[in-house]
N, C-alpha and C. Protein backbone atom coordinates (compact mmCIF):
# COMPACT_ATOMS: atom_id res chain seq x y z
N MET A 1 0.91 -1.13 -0.03
CA MET A 1 0.06 0.00 -0.09
C MET A 1 0.91 1.18 -0.02
N SER A 2 0.65 2.17 -0.79
CA SER A 2 1.43 3.50 -1.24
C SER A 2 0.82 4.35 0.10
N ARG A 3 1.50 5.23 0.71
CA ARG A 3 1.03 6.08 1.41
C ARG A 3 0.58 7.66 0.49
N PRO A 4 -0.24 8.31 1.05
CA PRO A 4 -0.65 9.45 0.39
C PRO A 4 0.37 10.29 0.27
N LEU A 5 0.51 11.47 -0.49
CA LEU A 5 1.53 12.48 -0.81
C LEU A 5 1.07 13.61 0.18
N LEU A 6 2.25 14.33 0.58
CA LEU A 6 1.90 15.53 1.45
C LEU A 6 2.80 16.41 0.59
N TYR A 7 2.29 17.40 -0.14
CA TYR A 7 2.82 18.61 -0.78
C TYR A 7 2.90 19.57 0.33
N LEU A 8 4.37 20.19 0.08
CA LEU A 8 4.48 21.18 1.20
C LEU A 8 4.89 22.63 0.56
N ASP A 9 4.39 23.60 1.04
CA ASP A 9 4.57 25.06 0.68
C ASP A 9 5.67 25.34 1.56
N VAL A 10 6.53 26.29 1.30
CA VAL A 10 7.38 26.70 2.36
C VAL A 10 6.81 28.15 2.91
N ASP A 11 6.85 29.10 2.09
CA ASP A 11 6.44 30.36 2.70
C ASP A 11 4.74 30.43 3.17
N GLY A 12 4.79 30.54 4.21
CA GLY A 12 3.47 30.43 5.04
C GLY A 12 3.33 29.43 6.13
N PRO A 13 3.38 28.05 5.59
CA PRO A 13 3.47 26.91 6.56
C PRO A 13 4.80 26.69 7.28
N LEU A 14 6.00 26.66 6.46
CA LEU A 14 7.24 26.64 7.23
C LEU A 14 7.86 27.91 7.59
N ASN A 15 7.62 28.85 6.66
CA ASN A 15 8.01 30.32 7.12
C ASN A 15 7.00 31.12 7.31
N PRO A 16 6.52 31.41 8.46
CA PRO A 16 5.37 32.31 8.92
C PRO A 16 6.02 33.82 8.49
N TYR A 17 5.69 34.14 7.15
CA TYR A 17 6.39 35.29 6.75
C TYR A 17 5.52 36.61 7.11
N ALA A 18 4.24 36.13 7.34
CA ALA A 18 3.33 37.24 7.69
C ALA A 18 3.13 37.52 9.26
N ALA A 19 3.94 37.26 10.07
CA ALA A 19 4.06 37.30 11.45
C ALA A 19 4.54 38.87 11.50
N LYS A 20 4.47 39.32 12.86
CA LYS A 20 5.09 40.71 12.88
C LYS A 20 6.58 40.51 12.67
N PRO A 21 6.78 41.63 11.68
CA PRO A 21 8.08 41.72 11.02
C PRO A 21 9.31 41.80 11.93
N SER A 22 9.02 42.35 13.07
CA SER A 22 10.05 42.79 13.99
C SER A 22 10.05 41.58 15.21
N LYS A 23 9.19 40.42 15.16
CA LYS A 23 9.12 39.74 16.03
C LYS A 23 9.42 38.29 15.55
N ARG A 24 10.38 37.51 15.49
CA ARG A 24 10.36 36.17 15.22
C ARG A 24 9.60 35.30 16.12
N PRO A 25 8.80 34.32 15.49
CA PRO A 25 8.01 33.46 16.48
C PRO A 25 8.74 32.91 17.38
N ALA A 26 8.37 32.48 18.53
CA ALA A 26 9.07 31.49 19.25
C ALA A 26 9.34 30.07 18.90
N GLY A 27 10.69 29.65 19.05
CA GLY A 27 10.78 28.43 18.49
C GLY A 27 11.61 28.39 17.04
N TYR A 28 11.31 29.77 16.59
CA TYR A 28 11.89 29.62 15.14
C TYR A 28 13.28 30.23 14.98
N THR A 29 13.87 29.89 14.14
CA THR A 29 15.45 30.34 13.84
C THR A 29 15.40 31.30 12.44
N THR A 30 16.31 32.19 12.39
CA THR A 30 16.26 33.04 11.20
C THR A 30 17.31 32.40 10.20
N VAL A 31 17.07 32.43 8.88
CA VAL A 31 18.06 32.03 7.83
C VAL A 31 17.78 33.18 6.81
N ARG A 32 19.12 33.53 6.21
CA ARG A 32 19.03 34.60 5.23
C ARG A 32 19.62 33.75 3.91
N ALA A 33 18.83 33.61 3.03
CA ALA A 33 18.86 32.67 2.08
C ALA A 33 19.20 33.54 0.69
N SER A 34 20.17 33.36 0.16
CA SER A 34 20.66 33.92 -1.17
C SER A 34 20.21 33.07 -2.49
N VAL A 35 19.01 33.51 -2.78
CA VAL A 35 18.16 32.77 -3.87
C VAL A 35 18.18 33.62 -5.16
N GLY A 36 19.01 34.22 -5.71
CA GLY A 36 18.97 34.94 -6.87
C GLY A 36 18.42 36.15 -6.49
N ARG A 37 18.56 36.85 -5.60
CA ARG A 37 17.89 38.08 -5.20
C ARG A 37 19.26 38.96 -4.76
N GLU A 38 19.02 40.32 -4.90
CA GLU A 38 20.09 41.18 -4.72
C GLU A 38 20.36 41.12 -3.27
N ARG A 39 19.35 41.02 -2.34
CA ARG A 39 19.62 41.03 -1.06
C ARG A 39 18.92 39.76 -0.40
N PRO A 40 19.85 39.00 0.45
CA PRO A 40 19.31 37.68 0.98
C PRO A 40 17.76 37.78 1.53
N LEU A 41 16.98 36.62 1.25
CA LEU A 41 15.62 36.91 1.73
C LEU A 41 15.71 36.21 3.49
N ARG A 42 15.06 36.84 4.05
CA ARG A 42 14.71 36.53 5.64
C ARG A 42 13.78 35.34 5.66
N VAL A 43 14.11 34.39 6.19
CA VAL A 43 13.25 33.30 6.29
C VAL A 43 13.30 32.83 7.87
N TRP A 44 11.98 32.69 8.32
CA TRP A 44 12.04 31.99 9.79
C TRP A 44 11.57 30.44 9.52
N LEU A 45 12.44 29.82 10.12
CA LEU A 45 11.89 28.42 10.17
C LEU A 45 12.14 27.51 11.61
N HIS A 46 11.38 26.62 11.83
CA HIS A 46 11.17 25.93 13.15
C HIS A 46 11.94 24.54 12.79
N PRO A 47 13.14 24.51 13.67
CA PRO A 47 13.91 23.27 13.60
C PRO A 47 12.99 21.97 14.06
N GLY A 48 11.98 22.15 14.68
CA GLY A 48 11.34 20.92 15.00
C GLY A 48 10.12 20.18 13.84
N HIS A 49 9.98 21.20 13.00
CA HIS A 49 8.93 20.78 11.77
C HIS A 49 9.29 19.66 11.10
N GLY A 50 10.60 19.35 10.97
CA GLY A 50 10.99 18.25 10.01
C GLY A 50 10.81 16.83 10.64
N ALA A 51 11.07 16.84 11.88
CA ALA A 51 10.63 15.55 12.74
C ALA A 51 9.01 15.37 12.67
N ALA A 52 8.49 16.32 12.89
CA ALA A 52 7.01 16.39 13.19
C ALA A 52 6.33 15.79 11.77
N LEU A 53 6.94 16.27 10.60
CA LEU A 53 6.63 16.04 9.27
C LEU A 53 6.82 14.49 9.01
N LEU A 54 7.80 14.29 9.08
CA LEU A 54 8.24 12.82 9.00
C LEU A 54 7.50 11.49 9.67
N ARG A 55 7.08 12.23 10.91
CA ARG A 55 6.18 11.46 11.75
C ARG A 55 4.79 11.02 10.97
N LEU A 56 4.50 12.00 10.23
CA LEU A 56 3.10 11.79 9.41
C LEU A 56 3.24 10.56 8.59
N PRO A 57 2.14 10.25 8.37
CA PRO A 57 2.16 9.02 7.25
C PRO A 57 1.86 9.23 5.70
N TYR A 58 2.80 10.13 5.37
CA TYR A 58 2.67 10.73 4.11
C TYR A 58 4.03 10.42 3.53
N GLU A 59 4.28 10.49 1.92
CA GLU A 59 5.06 10.79 1.38
C GLU A 59 5.48 12.23 1.03
N LEU A 60 6.51 12.76 1.37
CA LEU A 60 6.61 14.05 1.48
C LEU A 60 7.16 14.82 -0.01
N CYS A 61 6.66 15.88 -0.44
CA CYS A 61 6.96 16.50 -1.44
C CYS A 61 6.92 18.09 -1.32
N TRP A 62 8.15 18.63 -2.07
CA TRP A 62 8.01 20.30 -1.88
C TRP A 62 6.90 20.70 -3.09
N ALA A 63 6.05 21.44 -2.50
CA ALA A 63 5.04 22.20 -3.88
C ALA A 63 5.45 23.72 -3.46
N THR A 64 6.48 24.30 -3.66
CA THR A 64 6.75 25.84 -3.39
C THR A 64 7.77 26.47 -4.60
N THR A 65 7.60 27.84 -4.82
CA THR A 65 8.48 28.53 -5.60
C THR A 65 9.81 28.16 -5.49
N TRP A 66 10.33 27.57 -4.06
CA TRP A 66 11.65 27.41 -3.98
C TRP A 66 11.96 26.25 -4.69
N MET A 67 11.34 25.17 -5.00
CA MET A 67 11.48 23.95 -5.85
C MET A 67 12.70 23.45 -5.35
N ALA A 68 13.78 23.08 -6.22
CA ALA A 68 15.05 22.74 -5.76
C ALA A 68 15.51 23.19 -4.73
N GLN A 69 15.56 24.49 -4.43
CA GLN A 69 16.33 25.20 -3.65
C GLN A 69 15.61 24.91 -2.20
N ALA A 70 14.64 24.56 -2.12
CA ALA A 70 14.10 24.15 -0.81
C ALA A 70 14.87 22.90 -0.23
N ASN A 71 15.61 22.08 -0.97
CA ASN A 71 16.43 21.08 -0.58
C ASN A 71 17.73 21.66 0.08
N ARG A 72 18.16 22.68 -0.45
CA ARG A 72 19.47 23.58 -0.20
C ARG A 72 19.13 24.25 1.22
N TRP A 73 18.20 25.20 1.24
CA TRP A 73 18.13 26.25 2.19
C TRP A 73 16.88 26.02 3.42
N ILE A 74 15.95 25.16 2.99
CA ILE A 74 14.87 24.68 3.97
C ILE A 74 15.30 23.55 4.77
N ALA A 75 15.46 22.38 3.95
CA ALA A 75 15.48 20.92 4.43
C ALA A 75 16.44 20.91 5.67
N PRO A 76 17.59 21.21 5.44
CA PRO A 76 18.72 21.00 6.47
C PRO A 76 18.06 21.81 7.88
N VAL A 77 17.50 23.03 7.76
CA VAL A 77 17.26 23.71 8.90
C VAL A 77 16.06 23.04 9.53
N VAL A 78 15.05 22.45 8.98
CA VAL A 78 13.94 21.87 9.60
C VAL A 78 14.20 20.63 10.06
N GLY A 79 15.21 19.99 9.54
CA GLY A 79 15.55 18.58 9.65
C GLY A 79 14.87 17.64 8.82
N LEU A 80 14.82 18.05 7.61
CA LEU A 80 14.06 16.94 6.41
C LEU A 80 15.45 16.46 5.51
N PRO A 81 15.04 15.35 5.16
CA PRO A 81 16.05 14.79 3.99
C PRO A 81 15.90 15.51 2.67
N GLU A 82 16.54 15.23 1.85
CA GLU A 82 16.23 15.78 0.39
C GLU A 82 15.10 15.30 0.01
N LEU A 83 13.90 16.04 -0.45
CA LEU A 83 12.75 15.59 -1.08
C LEU A 83 12.39 16.00 -2.43
N PRO A 84 11.87 15.13 -3.03
CA PRO A 84 11.20 15.44 -4.36
C PRO A 84 10.34 16.72 -4.62
N TYR A 85 10.20 17.24 -5.66
CA TYR A 85 9.69 18.63 -5.68
C TYR A 85 8.90 18.87 -6.91
N VAL A 86 7.91 19.47 -6.95
CA VAL A 86 6.97 19.56 -8.21
C VAL A 86 7.62 20.89 -8.99
N ASP A 87 7.93 20.41 -10.20
CA ASP A 87 8.71 21.32 -11.11
C ASP A 87 7.75 22.37 -11.60
N PHE A 88 7.41 23.58 -11.43
CA PHE A 88 6.24 24.17 -11.93
C PHE A 88 6.59 24.77 -13.35
N GLY A 89 7.82 24.82 -13.64
CA GLY A 89 8.22 25.33 -14.98
C GLY A 89 7.47 26.51 -15.61
N GLU A 90 6.70 26.39 -16.66
CA GLU A 90 6.17 27.65 -17.21
C GLU A 90 4.93 28.23 -16.24
N ALA A 91 4.62 27.33 -15.45
CA ALA A 91 3.32 27.65 -14.75
C ALA A 91 3.58 28.65 -13.61
N LEU A 92 5.03 28.55 -13.26
CA LEU A 92 5.36 29.15 -12.02
C LEU A 92 4.83 30.97 -12.20
N PHE A 93 3.99 31.16 -11.46
CA PHE A 93 3.49 32.69 -11.17
C PHE A 93 2.47 32.85 -12.39
N ALA A 94 2.11 32.09 -13.08
CA ALA A 94 1.10 32.13 -14.39
C ALA A 94 -0.13 32.53 -13.79
N HIS A 95 -0.81 33.56 -14.04
CA HIS A 95 -2.24 34.12 -14.00
C HIS A 95 -3.14 33.21 -14.69
N ARG A 96 -4.06 32.81 -13.95
CA ARG A 96 -5.11 31.96 -14.30
C ARG A 96 -6.46 32.78 -14.40
N PRO A 97 -7.02 32.80 -15.43
CA PRO A 97 -8.38 33.53 -15.32
C PRO A 97 -9.51 33.06 -14.71
N ASP A 98 -9.44 31.58 -14.45
CA ASP A 98 -10.62 30.89 -13.55
C ASP A 98 -10.12 31.08 -12.39
N GLY A 99 -9.27 31.79 -11.78
CA GLY A 99 -8.99 31.94 -10.34
C GLY A 99 -8.40 30.90 -9.57
N VAL A 100 -7.82 29.82 -10.32
CA VAL A 100 -7.29 28.54 -9.74
C VAL A 100 -5.72 28.90 -9.60
N HIS A 101 -5.24 28.59 -8.58
CA HIS A 101 -3.99 29.02 -8.28
C HIS A 101 -3.10 28.33 -9.21
N TRP A 102 -1.70 28.88 -9.35
CA TRP A 102 -1.01 28.51 -10.59
C TRP A 102 -0.45 27.28 -10.16
N LYS A 103 -0.24 26.75 -8.83
CA LYS A 103 0.15 25.51 -8.55
C LYS A 103 -0.71 24.23 -8.67
N THR A 104 -1.99 24.33 -8.81
CA THR A 104 -2.98 23.47 -8.64
C THR A 104 -2.83 22.43 -9.63
N GLU A 105 -2.86 22.85 -10.84
CA GLU A 105 -2.94 21.90 -12.02
C GLU A 105 -1.66 21.07 -12.07
N ALA A 106 -0.35 21.61 -11.69
CA ALA A 106 0.88 20.78 -11.64
C ALA A 106 0.80 19.85 -10.48
N ILE A 107 0.14 20.12 -9.38
CA ILE A 107 0.12 19.26 -8.21
C ILE A 107 -0.75 18.03 -8.55
N VAL A 108 -1.85 18.44 -9.32
CA VAL A 108 -3.04 17.19 -9.49
C VAL A 108 -2.16 16.56 -10.55
N ALA A 109 -1.49 16.77 -11.56
CA ALA A 109 -0.88 16.39 -12.34
C ALA A 109 0.37 15.35 -11.95
N HIS A 110 0.95 16.15 -10.85
CA HIS A 110 2.21 15.34 -10.25
C HIS A 110 1.50 13.85 -9.23
N ALA A 111 0.38 14.33 -8.57
CA ALA A 111 -0.25 13.42 -7.78
C ALA A 111 -0.79 11.75 -8.59
N ALA A 112 -0.86 12.17 -10.01
CA ALA A 112 -1.00 11.03 -10.82
C ALA A 112 -2.16 10.12 -10.44
N GLY A 113 -3.25 10.60 -9.56
CA GLY A 113 -4.26 9.89 -9.29
C GLY A 113 -4.04 9.20 -7.94
N ARG A 114 -3.09 9.79 -7.14
CA ARG A 114 -2.72 9.09 -5.67
C ARG A 114 -3.48 10.11 -4.71
N PRO A 115 -3.86 9.68 -3.75
CA PRO A 115 -4.49 10.57 -2.67
C PRO A 115 -3.44 11.59 -1.94
N PHE A 116 -3.61 12.89 -1.93
CA PHE A 116 -2.80 13.76 -1.56
C PHE A 116 -3.35 14.93 -0.42
N ALA A 117 -2.49 15.35 0.30
CA ALA A 117 -2.91 16.64 1.05
C ALA A 117 -1.81 17.50 0.59
N TRP A 118 -2.38 19.00 0.49
CA TRP A 118 -1.45 19.83 0.18
C TRP A 118 -1.58 21.05 1.12
N VAL A 119 -0.51 21.28 1.85
CA VAL A 119 -0.34 22.37 2.70
C VAL A 119 -0.02 23.94 2.01
N ASP A 120 -0.73 24.76 2.34
CA ASP A 120 -0.38 25.92 1.78
C ASP A 120 -1.12 27.02 2.46
N ASP A 121 -0.88 28.37 2.07
CA ASP A 121 -1.40 29.66 2.63
C ASP A 121 -2.18 30.28 1.46
N GLU A 122 -2.14 29.66 0.16
CA GLU A 122 -3.03 30.42 -0.72
C GLU A 122 -4.11 29.83 -1.60
N GLN A 123 -4.66 28.61 -0.91
CA GLN A 123 -5.75 27.90 -1.77
C GLN A 123 -6.94 28.79 -1.62
N SER A 124 -7.88 28.56 -2.59
CA SER A 124 -9.02 29.11 -2.26
C SER A 124 -10.16 28.08 -2.81
N PRO A 125 -11.60 28.46 -2.95
CA PRO A 125 -12.59 27.37 -3.23
C PRO A 125 -12.50 27.33 -4.61
N ALA A 126 -11.85 27.83 -5.52
CA ALA A 126 -11.58 27.64 -6.88
C ALA A 126 -10.39 26.50 -7.03
N ASP A 127 -9.67 26.52 -6.09
CA ASP A 127 -8.51 25.27 -6.21
C ASP A 127 -9.34 23.87 -5.78
N THR A 128 -9.88 24.04 -4.72
CA THR A 128 -10.84 22.78 -4.26
C THR A 128 -11.85 22.29 -5.32
N ALA A 129 -12.30 23.38 -6.20
CA ALA A 129 -13.37 22.89 -7.20
C ALA A 129 -12.47 22.07 -8.21
N TYR A 130 -11.33 22.77 -8.65
CA TYR A 130 -10.56 22.10 -9.78
C TYR A 130 -10.11 20.70 -9.32
N VAL A 131 -9.58 20.49 -7.94
CA VAL A 131 -9.01 19.35 -7.67
C VAL A 131 -10.12 18.16 -7.74
N THR A 132 -11.49 18.56 -7.19
CA THR A 132 -12.63 17.84 -7.30
C THR A 132 -12.98 17.37 -8.47
N ALA A 133 -12.97 18.34 -9.61
CA ALA A 133 -13.11 17.92 -11.03
C ALA A 133 -12.05 17.33 -11.65
N HIS A 134 -10.70 17.23 -11.26
CA HIS A 134 -9.78 16.65 -12.14
C HIS A 134 -8.97 15.71 -11.56
N HIS A 135 -9.28 15.42 -10.25
CA HIS A 135 -8.60 14.44 -9.38
C HIS A 135 -9.43 13.19 -8.89
N PRO A 136 -9.15 11.99 -9.33
CA PRO A 136 -10.05 10.93 -9.07
C PRO A 136 -9.83 10.42 -7.54
N ALA A 137 -8.76 10.71 -6.87
CA ALA A 137 -8.59 10.25 -5.68
C ALA A 137 -9.07 11.19 -4.55
N PRO A 138 -8.83 10.57 -3.23
CA PRO A 138 -9.33 11.77 -2.13
C PRO A 138 -8.03 12.95 -2.20
N ALA A 139 -8.52 14.07 -1.91
CA ALA A 139 -7.41 15.00 -1.67
C ALA A 139 -7.87 15.95 -0.46
N LEU A 140 -6.93 16.70 -0.05
CA LEU A 140 -7.17 17.49 1.28
C LEU A 140 -6.11 18.77 0.92
N LEU A 141 -7.10 19.89 0.89
CA LEU A 141 -6.12 21.41 0.62
C LEU A 141 -6.36 21.93 2.16
N HIS A 142 -5.35 21.79 2.72
CA HIS A 142 -5.07 22.29 4.18
C HIS A 142 -4.73 23.58 4.27
N HIS A 143 -5.27 24.60 4.66
CA HIS A 143 -4.71 26.08 4.84
C HIS A 143 -4.21 26.00 6.10
N VAL A 144 -3.01 26.82 5.81
CA VAL A 144 -2.04 27.30 7.00
C VAL A 144 -1.79 28.78 7.23
N SER A 145 -2.23 29.35 8.15
CA SER A 145 -2.15 30.68 8.37
C SER A 145 -0.53 31.39 8.13
N PRO A 146 -0.28 32.20 7.35
CA PRO A 146 1.04 32.68 6.90
C PRO A 146 1.64 33.60 8.15
N ARG A 147 0.78 33.79 9.06
CA ARG A 147 1.19 34.62 10.31
C ARG A 147 1.71 33.42 11.24
N LEU A 148 0.97 32.28 11.36
CA LEU A 148 1.31 31.48 12.45
C LEU A 148 2.32 30.00 12.05
N GLY A 149 2.08 29.79 10.81
CA GLY A 149 2.98 28.70 10.28
C GLY A 149 2.28 27.37 10.77
N LEU A 150 2.92 26.30 10.38
CA LEU A 150 2.29 24.98 11.02
C LEU A 150 2.31 24.83 12.58
N ARG A 151 1.21 24.38 12.93
CA ARG A 151 1.12 24.14 14.47
C ARG A 151 0.65 22.96 14.55
N GLU A 152 0.42 22.48 16.12
CA GLU A 152 0.23 21.09 16.45
C GLU A 152 -1.22 20.87 15.82
N GLU A 153 -2.06 21.71 15.72
CA GLU A 153 -3.39 21.21 15.35
C GLU A 153 -3.50 21.01 13.78
N ASP A 154 -2.49 21.53 13.03
CA ASP A 154 -2.34 21.23 11.62
C ASP A 154 -2.01 19.74 11.36
N PHE A 155 -0.86 19.33 12.19
CA PHE A 155 -0.22 18.29 12.39
C PHE A 155 -1.37 17.15 12.59
N THR A 156 -2.22 17.30 13.52
CA THR A 156 -3.59 16.46 14.10
C THR A 156 -4.26 16.22 12.73
N ALA A 157 -4.81 17.54 12.19
CA ALA A 157 -5.61 17.07 11.06
C ALA A 157 -5.23 16.49 9.95
N LEU A 158 -3.73 16.67 9.74
CA LEU A 158 -3.27 15.91 8.51
C LEU A 158 -3.10 14.51 9.04
N THR A 159 -2.82 14.12 10.28
CA THR A 159 -2.86 12.67 10.49
C THR A 159 -4.18 12.20 10.47
N GLU A 160 -5.22 12.94 10.99
CA GLU A 160 -6.55 12.36 11.04
C GLU A 160 -7.05 12.18 9.84
N TRP A 161 -6.91 13.01 8.82
CA TRP A 161 -7.49 13.06 7.36
C TRP A 161 -6.69 11.52 6.73
N ALA A 162 -5.25 11.46 6.97
CA ALA A 162 -4.81 10.18 6.36
C ALA A 162 -5.40 8.91 7.08
N ALA A 163 -5.74 9.16 8.14
CA ALA A 163 -6.23 7.82 8.67
C ALA A 163 -7.71 7.70 8.47
N GLY A 164 -8.23 8.44 7.91
CA GLY A 164 -9.64 8.29 7.26
C GLY A 164 -9.77 7.83 5.63
N LEU A 165 -8.60 7.59 5.08
CA LEU A 165 -8.30 7.20 3.82
C LEU A 165 -8.84 5.70 3.73
N PRO A 166 -9.42 5.21 2.44
CA PRO A 166 -9.78 3.80 2.62
C PRO A 166 -8.53 3.19 2.36
N VAL A 167 -8.33 1.94 2.78
CA VAL A 167 -7.23 1.06 2.52
C VAL A 167 -7.02 0.67 1.24
N ARG A 168 -5.99 0.98 0.26
CA ARG A 168 -5.68 0.39 -0.92
C ARG A 168 -4.72 -0.78 -0.96
């Protein structure tokens, strides 16, 4: 039996970028990532998130604008191994007139019919409708506040959703 996929966004769920800009959240560390920008990007990461994510009954996969760079800048700080990632290619930041997030179609294609949960701070009802119409397996679009990042209740919700999946 294969485990469901867990698609992870970085900015929002792992990096609570919308927290008060002058106050790093408790338990987080600051990383300055040089990712093709003139000035390094300030990122807040919680070193305990990796272990908590690895305890979940999922196969982890990056679904972030960081793509392969998440393995260089994010994974080591939070305690994750190198993970596969969704390569968004030309869809990266592409506007869709139907209101569906630019990540959604690529995630559905990458899942290839497998059950998945997607942790992000930017999903909308249009994304849920798209996934329902185009993905034959169960899917959970789990919103995480970009002011708070992943919290214990998020891990609980992800665990409970996976436990409720039909055995394949």
